[in-house]
Amino acid sequence: MAVSIVVVILVSLLIGGSIYTFFTSKIYQRSYFSASIFAALLLVYLIVLIGFGFIYFWLSLHDVLLIEYSQPPEQFHLIELFAHAFYFSGVTLMTVGYGDITPIGWGRVIALVEALIGYILPAAFIFKLTQHGQAVQSNKKSSHSQGK
């Protein structure tokens, strides 16, 4: 038991240190990372996850939408339906899904749209960082040319 606690603490420190270094260290001169763009990406992910979670929850109240291990939603309490909807939304947005909860009917189309958004967001983030990097470079060039 004590070994597992030590391992969890060490892994947590390693992850925390890595995240801290990522945000604070400028190892490379040409670092184009933008904390504001990264925060905007996280905010967009959170909004999409919550929005689709509410869509799945609302539809599961009105229709059979999500089935877990072949059990219809009528067997779950309201709070379980809520948790399942948000869990399914997060898994669909950030991965290809685990298969433990299956959408049916219109839920499949909605899940496809959410998965597509989940695939497009990282590419949009990289595109935005590239634009930010180009803007930083052009500002450096114009400031160097004005200083000469």
N, C-alpha and C. Protein backbone atom coordinates (compact mmCIF):
# COMPACT_ATOMS: atom_id res chain seq x y z
N MET A 1 0.82 -1.20 0.00
CA MET A 1 0.00 0.00 0.00
C MET A 1 0.87 1.26 0.00
N ALA A 2 1.90 1.27 0.81
CA ALA A 2 2.77 2.44 0.90
C ALA A 2 3.54 2.66 -0.41
N VAL A 3 3.90 1.56 -1.06
CA VAL A 3 4.62 1.67 -2.33
C VAL A 3 3.74 2.32 -3.39
N SER A 4 2.47 1.94 -3.42
CA SER A 4 1.57 2.53 -4.41
C SER A 4 1.35 4.01 -4.15
N ILE A 5 1.31 4.40 -2.90
CA ILE A 5 1.14 5.82 -2.57
C ILE A 5 2.38 6.61 -3.01
N VAL A 6 3.56 6.05 -2.79
CA VAL A 6 4.80 6.71 -3.21
C VAL A 6 4.84 6.82 -4.73
N VAL A 7 4.43 5.77 -5.43
CA VAL A 7 4.42 5.79 -6.90
C VAL A 7 3.46 6.85 -7.40
N VAL A 8 2.27 6.93 -6.82
CA VAL A 8 1.29 7.94 -7.24
C VAL A 8 1.83 9.35 -6.99
N ILE A 9 2.49 9.56 -5.86
CA ILE A 9 3.05 10.88 -5.56
C ILE A 9 4.16 11.22 -6.55
N LEU A 10 5.05 10.28 -6.83
CA LEU A 10 6.13 10.53 -7.78
C LEU A 10 5.62 10.81 -9.18
N VAL A 11 4.65 10.04 -9.64
CA VAL A 11 4.07 10.27 -10.97
C VAL A 11 3.37 11.62 -11.02
N SER A 12 2.65 11.97 -9.96
CA SER A 12 1.99 13.27 -9.90
C SER A 12 3.00 14.41 -9.95
N LEU A 13 4.10 14.28 -9.22
CA LEU A 13 5.15 15.31 -9.27
C LEU A 13 5.78 15.40 -10.65
N LEU A 14 6.00 14.26 -11.28
CA LEU A 14 6.57 14.26 -12.62
C LEU A 14 5.63 14.94 -13.62
N ILE A 15 4.37 14.61 -13.57
CA ILE A 15 3.39 15.24 -14.47
C ILE A 15 3.29 16.74 -14.18
N GLY A 16 3.18 17.10 -12.91
CA GLY A 16 3.08 18.51 -12.54
C GLY A 16 4.32 19.29 -12.96
N GLY A 17 5.51 18.71 -12.75
CA GLY A 17 6.74 19.37 -13.17
C GLY A 17 6.82 19.54 -14.68
N SER A 18 6.37 18.53 -15.40
CA SER A 18 6.37 18.62 -16.86
C SER A 18 5.45 19.72 -17.34
N ILE A 19 4.27 19.80 -16.76
CA ILE A 19 3.32 20.84 -17.15
C ILE A 19 3.87 22.22 -16.80
N TYR A 20 4.47 22.35 -15.62
CA TYR A 20 5.05 23.63 -15.21
C TYR A 20 6.16 24.06 -16.17
N THR A 21 7.04 23.12 -16.49
CA THR A 21 8.14 23.42 -17.41
C THR A 21 7.63 23.79 -18.79
N PHE A 22 6.60 23.09 -19.23
CA PHE A 22 6.02 23.38 -20.54
C PHE A 22 5.53 24.81 -20.63
N PHE A 23 4.90 25.30 -19.57
CA PHE A 23 4.33 26.64 -19.61
C PHE A 23 5.33 27.75 -19.29
N THR A 24 6.38 27.45 -18.54
CA THR A 24 7.26 28.52 -18.08
C THR A 24 8.61 28.56 -18.77
N SER A 25 9.10 27.44 -19.24
CA SER A 25 10.45 27.39 -19.79
C SER A 25 10.45 27.76 -21.26
N LYS A 26 11.43 28.56 -21.64
CA LYS A 26 11.64 28.92 -23.04
C LYS A 26 12.98 28.33 -23.47
N ILE A 27 13.00 27.03 -23.68
CA ILE A 27 14.24 26.34 -24.05
C ILE A 27 14.69 26.79 -25.43
N TYR A 28 13.76 26.92 -26.33
CA TYR A 28 14.07 27.29 -27.70
C TYR A 28 13.78 28.78 -27.91
N GLN A 29 14.61 29.42 -28.68
CA GLN A 29 14.39 30.83 -28.98
C GLN A 29 13.15 31.03 -29.84
N ARG A 30 12.83 30.05 -30.65
CA ARG A 30 11.71 30.18 -31.57
C ARG A 30 10.46 29.49 -31.03
N SER A 31 10.18 29.63 -29.76
CA SER A 31 9.01 29.03 -29.16
C SER A 31 7.78 29.88 -29.50
N TYR A 32 6.82 29.28 -30.12
CA TYR A 32 5.62 30.01 -30.54
C TYR A 32 4.41 29.64 -29.69
N PHE A 33 4.64 28.95 -28.60
CA PHE A 33 3.53 28.55 -27.75
C PHE A 33 2.85 29.78 -27.17
N SER A 34 1.54 29.76 -27.18
CA SER A 34 0.75 30.85 -26.62
C SER A 34 -0.18 30.28 -25.56
N ALA A 35 -0.01 30.72 -24.34
CA ALA A 35 -0.87 30.25 -23.25
C ALA A 35 -2.31 30.65 -23.49
N SER A 36 -2.54 31.81 -24.09
CA SER A 36 -3.92 32.25 -24.33
C SER A 36 -4.59 31.38 -25.39
N ILE A 37 -3.85 30.98 -26.41
CA ILE A 37 -4.43 30.09 -27.43
C ILE A 37 -4.72 28.72 -26.83
N PHE A 38 -3.79 28.23 -25.99
CA PHE A 38 -3.98 26.95 -25.33
C PHE A 38 -5.19 26.99 -24.40
N ALA A 39 -5.34 28.07 -23.64
CA ALA A 39 -6.50 28.23 -22.76
C ALA A 39 -7.79 28.29 -23.56
N ALA A 40 -7.74 28.96 -24.71
CA ALA A 40 -8.93 29.02 -25.57
C ALA A 40 -9.29 27.63 -26.10
N LEU A 41 -8.28 26.82 -26.44
CA LEU A 41 -8.54 25.46 -26.90
C LEU A 41 -9.21 24.64 -25.80
N LEU A 42 -8.68 24.73 -24.58
CA LEU A 42 -9.29 24.00 -23.46
C LEU A 42 -10.73 24.46 -23.21
N LEU A 43 -10.96 25.75 -23.32
CA LEU A 43 -12.30 26.29 -23.12
C LEU A 43 -13.26 25.78 -24.20
N VAL A 44 -12.80 25.75 -25.44
CA VAL A 44 -13.64 25.24 -26.53
C VAL A 44 -13.96 23.76 -26.30
N TYR A 45 -12.95 22.97 -25.92
CA TYR A 45 -13.20 21.55 -25.62
C TYR A 45 -14.24 21.41 -24.52
N LEU A 46 -14.10 22.20 -23.45
CA LEU A 46 -15.03 22.12 -22.33
C LEU A 46 -16.44 22.50 -22.75
N ILE A 47 -16.58 23.56 -23.54
CA ILE A 47 -17.90 24.00 -24.00
C ILE A 47 -18.54 22.94 -24.89
N VAL A 48 -17.77 22.36 -25.81
CA VAL A 48 -18.30 21.32 -26.70
C VAL A 48 -18.71 20.10 -25.89
N LEU A 49 -17.87 19.69 -24.95
CA LEU A 49 -18.17 18.52 -24.12
C LEU A 49 -19.46 18.74 -23.32
N ILE A 50 -19.57 19.88 -22.69
CA ILE A 50 -20.77 20.17 -21.89
C ILE A 50 -21.99 20.30 -22.79
N GLY A 51 -21.85 20.99 -23.91
CA GLY A 51 -22.99 21.16 -24.82
C GLY A 51 -23.52 19.84 -25.34
N PHE A 52 -22.63 18.98 -25.84
CA PHE A 52 -23.08 17.68 -26.33
C PHE A 52 -23.57 16.80 -25.19
N GLY A 53 -22.97 16.94 -24.00
CA GLY A 53 -23.45 16.19 -22.84
C GLY A 53 -24.90 16.53 -22.53
N PHE A 54 -25.23 17.82 -22.57
CA PHE A 54 -26.62 18.22 -22.34
C PHE A 54 -27.54 17.73 -23.46
N ILE A 55 -27.05 17.72 -24.70
CA ILE A 55 -27.85 17.21 -25.81
C ILE A 55 -28.16 15.73 -25.60
N TYR A 56 -27.13 14.94 -25.26
CA TYR A 56 -27.35 13.51 -25.01
C TYR A 56 -28.28 13.28 -23.83
N PHE A 57 -28.12 14.08 -22.78
CA PHE A 57 -28.97 13.94 -21.60
C PHE A 57 -30.42 14.27 -21.94
N TRP A 58 -30.63 15.37 -22.63
CA TRP A 58 -31.99 15.78 -22.98
C TRP A 58 -32.65 14.73 -23.88
N LEU A 59 -31.92 14.26 -24.87
CA LEU A 59 -32.48 13.26 -25.76
C LEU A 59 -32.73 11.93 -25.06
N SER A 60 -31.88 11.58 -24.09
CA SER A 60 -32.11 10.33 -23.37
C SER A 60 -33.34 10.43 -22.47
N LEU A 61 -33.73 11.64 -22.08
CA LEU A 61 -34.96 11.80 -21.31
C LEU A 61 -36.20 11.65 -22.19
N HIS A 62 -36.07 11.96 -23.48
CA HIS A 62 -37.21 11.94 -24.39
C HIS A 62 -37.25 10.73 -25.31
N ASP A 63 -36.14 10.04 -25.40
CA ASP A 63 -36.07 8.94 -26.35
C ASP A 63 -34.94 8.02 -25.92
N VAL A 64 -34.94 6.83 -26.41
CA VAL A 64 -33.83 5.92 -26.12
C VAL A 64 -32.65 6.37 -26.98
N LEU A 65 -31.59 6.82 -26.35
CA LEU A 65 -30.47 7.37 -27.10
C LEU A 65 -29.17 6.63 -26.82
N LEU A 66 -28.87 6.38 -25.55
CA LEU A 66 -27.63 5.72 -25.17
C LEU A 66 -27.94 4.41 -24.45
N ILE A 67 -27.29 3.36 -24.85
CA ILE A 67 -27.48 2.07 -24.22
C ILE A 67 -26.14 1.62 -23.65
N GLU A 68 -26.13 1.26 -22.38
CA GLU A 68 -24.92 0.78 -21.75
C GLU A 68 -25.01 -0.71 -21.53
N TYR A 69 -24.08 -1.45 -22.12
CA TYR A 69 -24.04 -2.91 -21.99
C TYR A 69 -25.40 -3.54 -22.25
N SER A 70 -26.06 -3.07 -23.28
CA SER A 70 -27.36 -3.59 -23.73
C SER A 70 -28.49 -3.36 -22.74
N GLN A 71 -28.33 -2.43 -21.81
CA GLN A 71 -29.40 -2.09 -20.88
C GLN A 71 -30.06 -0.80 -21.34
N PRO A 72 -31.37 -0.79 -21.51
CA PRO A 72 -32.04 0.45 -21.91
C PRO A 72 -31.98 1.49 -20.79
N PRO A 73 -32.02 2.77 -21.13
CA PRO A 73 -31.89 3.84 -20.15
C PRO A 73 -32.99 3.88 -19.10
N GLU A 74 -34.11 3.21 -19.32
CA GLU A 74 -35.19 3.25 -18.34
C GLU A 74 -34.76 2.62 -17.02
N GLN A 75 -33.72 1.80 -17.05
CA GLN A 75 -33.28 1.13 -15.84
C GLN A 75 -32.35 2.00 -14.99
N PHE A 76 -32.03 3.19 -15.45
CA PHE A 76 -31.11 4.06 -14.73
C PHE A 76 -31.87 5.22 -14.10
N HIS A 77 -31.33 5.72 -12.98
CA HIS A 77 -31.89 6.90 -12.35
C HIS A 77 -31.47 8.14 -13.13
N LEU A 78 -32.10 9.26 -12.83
CA LEU A 78 -31.83 10.51 -13.54
C LEU A 78 -30.36 10.92 -13.44
N ILE A 79 -29.79 10.81 -12.25
CA ILE A 79 -28.39 11.21 -12.07
C ILE A 79 -27.46 10.28 -12.85
N GLU A 80 -27.82 9.01 -12.99
CA GLU A 80 -27.02 8.09 -13.80
C GLU A 80 -27.10 8.44 -15.28
N LEU A 81 -28.29 8.81 -15.74
CA LEU A 81 -28.43 9.25 -17.13
C LEU A 81 -27.56 10.47 -17.40
N PHE A 82 -27.55 11.39 -16.45
CA PHE A 82 -26.75 12.61 -16.56
C PHE A 82 -25.26 12.26 -16.64
N ALA A 83 -24.81 11.40 -15.73
CA ALA A 83 -23.40 11.00 -15.72
C ALA A 83 -23.02 10.25 -16.99
N HIS A 84 -23.89 9.38 -17.47
CA HIS A 84 -23.62 8.62 -18.69
C HIS A 84 -23.53 9.54 -19.91
N ALA A 85 -24.42 10.53 -19.95
CA ALA A 85 -24.42 11.45 -21.09
C ALA A 85 -23.12 12.24 -21.15
N PHE A 86 -22.65 12.75 -20.01
CA PHE A 86 -21.42 13.53 -20.01
C PHE A 86 -20.18 12.65 -20.21
N TYR A 87 -20.21 11.46 -19.66
CA TYR A 87 -19.11 10.52 -19.88
C TYR A 87 -19.02 10.17 -21.37
N PHE A 88 -20.16 9.86 -21.96
CA PHE A 88 -20.17 9.51 -23.39
C PHE A 88 -19.71 10.69 -24.24
N SER A 89 -20.12 11.90 -23.87
CA SER A 89 -19.70 13.08 -24.61
C SER A 89 -18.18 13.26 -24.54
N GLY A 90 -17.61 13.11 -23.36
CA GLY A 90 -16.16 13.26 -23.21
C GLY A 90 -15.39 12.20 -23.96
N VAL A 91 -15.84 10.96 -23.88
CA VAL A 91 -15.15 9.87 -24.57
C VAL A 91 -15.27 10.03 -26.08
N THR A 92 -16.41 10.47 -26.55
CA THR A 92 -16.61 10.65 -27.99
C THR A 92 -15.79 11.83 -28.51
N LEU A 93 -15.70 12.89 -27.74
CA LEU A 93 -14.97 14.08 -28.17
C LEU A 93 -13.46 13.84 -28.19
N MET A 94 -12.95 13.12 -27.22
CA MET A 94 -11.50 13.04 -27.07
C MET A 94 -10.88 11.72 -27.52
N THR A 95 -11.69 10.72 -27.79
CA THR A 95 -11.18 9.44 -28.28
C THR A 95 -12.14 8.90 -29.32
N VAL A 96 -11.91 7.68 -29.72
CA VAL A 96 -12.85 7.04 -30.65
C VAL A 96 -13.93 6.28 -29.91
N GLY A 97 -13.91 6.33 -28.58
CA GLY A 97 -14.91 5.67 -27.77
C GLY A 97 -14.41 4.33 -27.26
N TYR A 98 -15.06 3.84 -26.22
CA TYR A 98 -14.67 2.58 -25.61
C TYR A 98 -15.63 1.46 -25.96
N GLY A 99 -16.83 1.79 -26.39
CA GLY A 99 -17.81 0.78 -26.74
C GLY A 99 -18.68 0.34 -25.59
N ASP A 100 -18.47 0.91 -24.41
CA ASP A 100 -19.30 0.52 -23.28
C ASP A 100 -20.68 1.18 -23.32
N ILE A 101 -20.78 2.33 -23.97
CA ILE A 101 -22.06 3.00 -24.17
C ILE A 101 -22.22 3.18 -25.67
N THR A 102 -23.36 2.78 -26.18
CA THR A 102 -23.60 2.81 -27.61
C THR A 102 -24.77 3.73 -27.94
N PRO A 103 -24.58 4.68 -28.84
CA PRO A 103 -25.71 5.51 -29.25
C PRO A 103 -26.57 4.75 -30.26
N ILE A 104 -27.85 5.06 -30.26
CA ILE A 104 -28.75 4.48 -31.25
C ILE A 104 -29.57 5.61 -31.86
N GLY A 105 -30.12 5.36 -33.01
CA GLY A 105 -30.95 6.36 -33.68
C GLY A 105 -30.15 7.61 -34.02
N TRP A 106 -30.76 8.76 -33.72
CA TRP A 106 -30.12 10.04 -34.00
C TRP A 106 -28.85 10.24 -33.18
N GLY A 107 -28.72 9.48 -32.11
CA GLY A 107 -27.52 9.58 -31.29
C GLY A 107 -26.26 9.26 -32.06
N ARG A 108 -26.37 8.37 -33.04
CA ARG A 108 -25.20 8.02 -33.85
C ARG A 108 -24.74 9.21 -34.69
N VAL A 109 -25.68 9.92 -35.28
CA VAL A 109 -25.34 11.08 -36.10
C VAL A 109 -24.72 12.17 -35.23
N ILE A 110 -25.32 12.39 -34.07
CA ILE A 110 -24.80 13.41 -33.15
C ILE A 110 -23.40 13.03 -32.68
N ALA A 111 -23.17 11.76 -32.38
CA ALA A 111 -21.85 11.30 -31.97
C ALA A 111 -20.82 11.47 -33.08
N LEU A 112 -21.23 11.24 -34.32
CA LEU A 112 -20.32 11.45 -35.45
C LEU A 112 -19.91 12.92 -35.56
N VAL A 113 -20.87 13.81 -35.40
CA VAL A 113 -20.58 15.25 -35.47
C VAL A 113 -19.62 15.63 -34.34
N GLU A 114 -19.88 15.13 -33.14
CA GLU A 114 -19.01 15.45 -32.01
C GLU A 114 -17.60 14.89 -32.22
N ALA A 115 -17.50 13.67 -32.73
CA ALA A 115 -16.19 13.07 -33.00
C ALA A 115 -15.44 13.88 -34.06
N LEU A 116 -16.15 14.34 -35.08
CA LEU A 116 -15.52 15.17 -36.11
C LEU A 116 -14.97 16.46 -35.52
N ILE A 117 -15.73 17.08 -34.64
CA ILE A 117 -15.26 18.29 -33.96
C ILE A 117 -14.02 17.96 -33.14
N GLY A 118 -14.03 16.82 -32.46
CA GLY A 118 -12.88 16.41 -31.66
C GLY A 118 -11.64 16.18 -32.49
N TYR A 119 -11.80 15.74 -33.74
CA TYR A 119 -10.65 15.54 -34.62
C TYR A 119 -10.16 16.86 -35.22
N ILE A 120 -11.05 17.78 -35.46
CA ILE A 120 -10.69 19.04 -36.10
C ILE A 120 -10.04 20.02 -35.12
N LEU A 121 -10.43 20.01 -33.87
CA LEU A 121 -9.91 20.99 -32.91
C LEU A 121 -8.39 20.97 -32.76
N PRO A 122 -7.73 19.82 -32.65
CA PRO A 122 -6.26 19.88 -32.55
C PRO A 122 -5.61 20.46 -33.81
N ALA A 123 -6.15 20.14 -34.97
CA ALA A 123 -5.60 20.71 -36.21
C ALA A 123 -5.80 22.23 -36.23
N ALA A 124 -6.95 22.69 -35.78
CA ALA A 124 -7.20 24.13 -35.72
C ALA A 124 -6.25 24.79 -34.72
N PHE A 125 -5.95 24.10 -33.63
CA PHE A 125 -5.02 24.62 -32.64
C PHE A 125 -3.62 24.78 -33.24
N ILE A 126 -3.16 23.77 -33.96
CA ILE A 126 -1.84 23.84 -34.61
C ILE A 126 -1.82 24.95 -35.66
N PHE A 127 -2.90 25.08 -36.42
CA PHE A 127 -2.99 26.15 -37.42
C PHE A 127 -2.90 27.52 -36.74
N LYS A 128 -3.61 27.68 -35.64
CA LYS A 128 -3.61 28.95 -34.91
C LYS A 128 -2.21 29.24 -34.34
N LEU A 129 -1.53 28.21 -33.83
CA LEU A 129 -0.17 28.41 -33.33
C LEU A 129 0.78 28.81 -34.46
N THR A 130 0.59 28.22 -35.63
CA THR A 130 1.41 28.58 -36.78
C THR A 130 1.19 30.03 -37.17
N GLN A 131 -0.07 30.45 -37.20
CA GLN A 131 -0.35 31.86 -37.49
C GLN A 131 0.28 32.77 -36.44
N HIS A 132 0.19 32.36 -35.18
CA HIS A 132 0.78 33.15 -34.10
C HIS A 132 2.29 33.25 -34.28
N GLY A 133 2.93 32.13 -34.62
CA GLY A 133 4.37 32.11 -34.85
C GLY A 133 4.79 33.01 -35.99
N GLN A 134 4.00 33.00 -37.08
CA GLN A 134 4.31 33.86 -38.21
C GLN A 134 4.15 35.33 -37.85
N ALA A 135 3.15 35.63 -37.03
CA ALA A 135 2.97 37.01 -36.60
C ALA A 135 4.13 37.46 -35.71
N VAL A 136 4.60 36.57 -34.84
CA VAL A 136 5.74 36.90 -33.99
C VAL A 136 6.98 37.15 -34.85
N GLN A 137 7.20 36.31 -35.84
CA GLN A 137 8.36 36.48 -36.72
C GLN A 137 8.28 37.78 -37.51
N SER A 138 7.12 38.09 -38.05
CA SER A 138 6.99 39.34 -38.82
C SER A 138 7.16 40.55 -37.92
N ASN A 139 6.70 40.48 -36.68
CA ASN A 139 6.91 41.60 -35.74
C ASN A 139 8.38 41.76 -35.41
N LYS A 140 9.11 40.65 -35.27
CA LYS A 140 10.55 40.73 -34.99
C LYS A 140 11.29 41.33 -36.18
N LYS A 141 10.92 40.90 -37.39
CA LYS A 141 11.58 41.42 -38.59
C LYS A 141 11.32 42.92 -38.75
N SER A 142 10.06 43.35 -38.52
CA SER A 142 9.75 44.77 -38.68
C SER A 142 10.43 45.60 -37.59
N SER A 143 10.57 45.07 -36.37
CA SER A 143 11.24 45.83 -35.32
C SER A 143 12.75 45.91 -35.58
N HIS A 144 13.34 44.84 -36.17
CA HIS A 144 14.76 44.86 -36.52
C HIS A 144 15.02 45.84 -37.66
N SER A 145 14.13 45.88 -38.65
CA SER A 145 14.33 46.78 -39.78
C SER A 145 14.13 48.24 -39.38
N GLN A 146 13.28 48.51 -38.42
CA GLN A 146 13.06 49.88 -37.95
C GLN A 146 14.23 50.34 -37.07
N GLY A 147 14.89 49.39 -36.41
CA GLY A 147 16.00 49.73 -35.53
C GLY A 147 17.27 50.01 -36.28
N LYS A 148 17.38 49.60 -37.53
CA LYS A 148 18.62 49.80 -38.32
C LYS A 148 18.69 51.15 -38.94
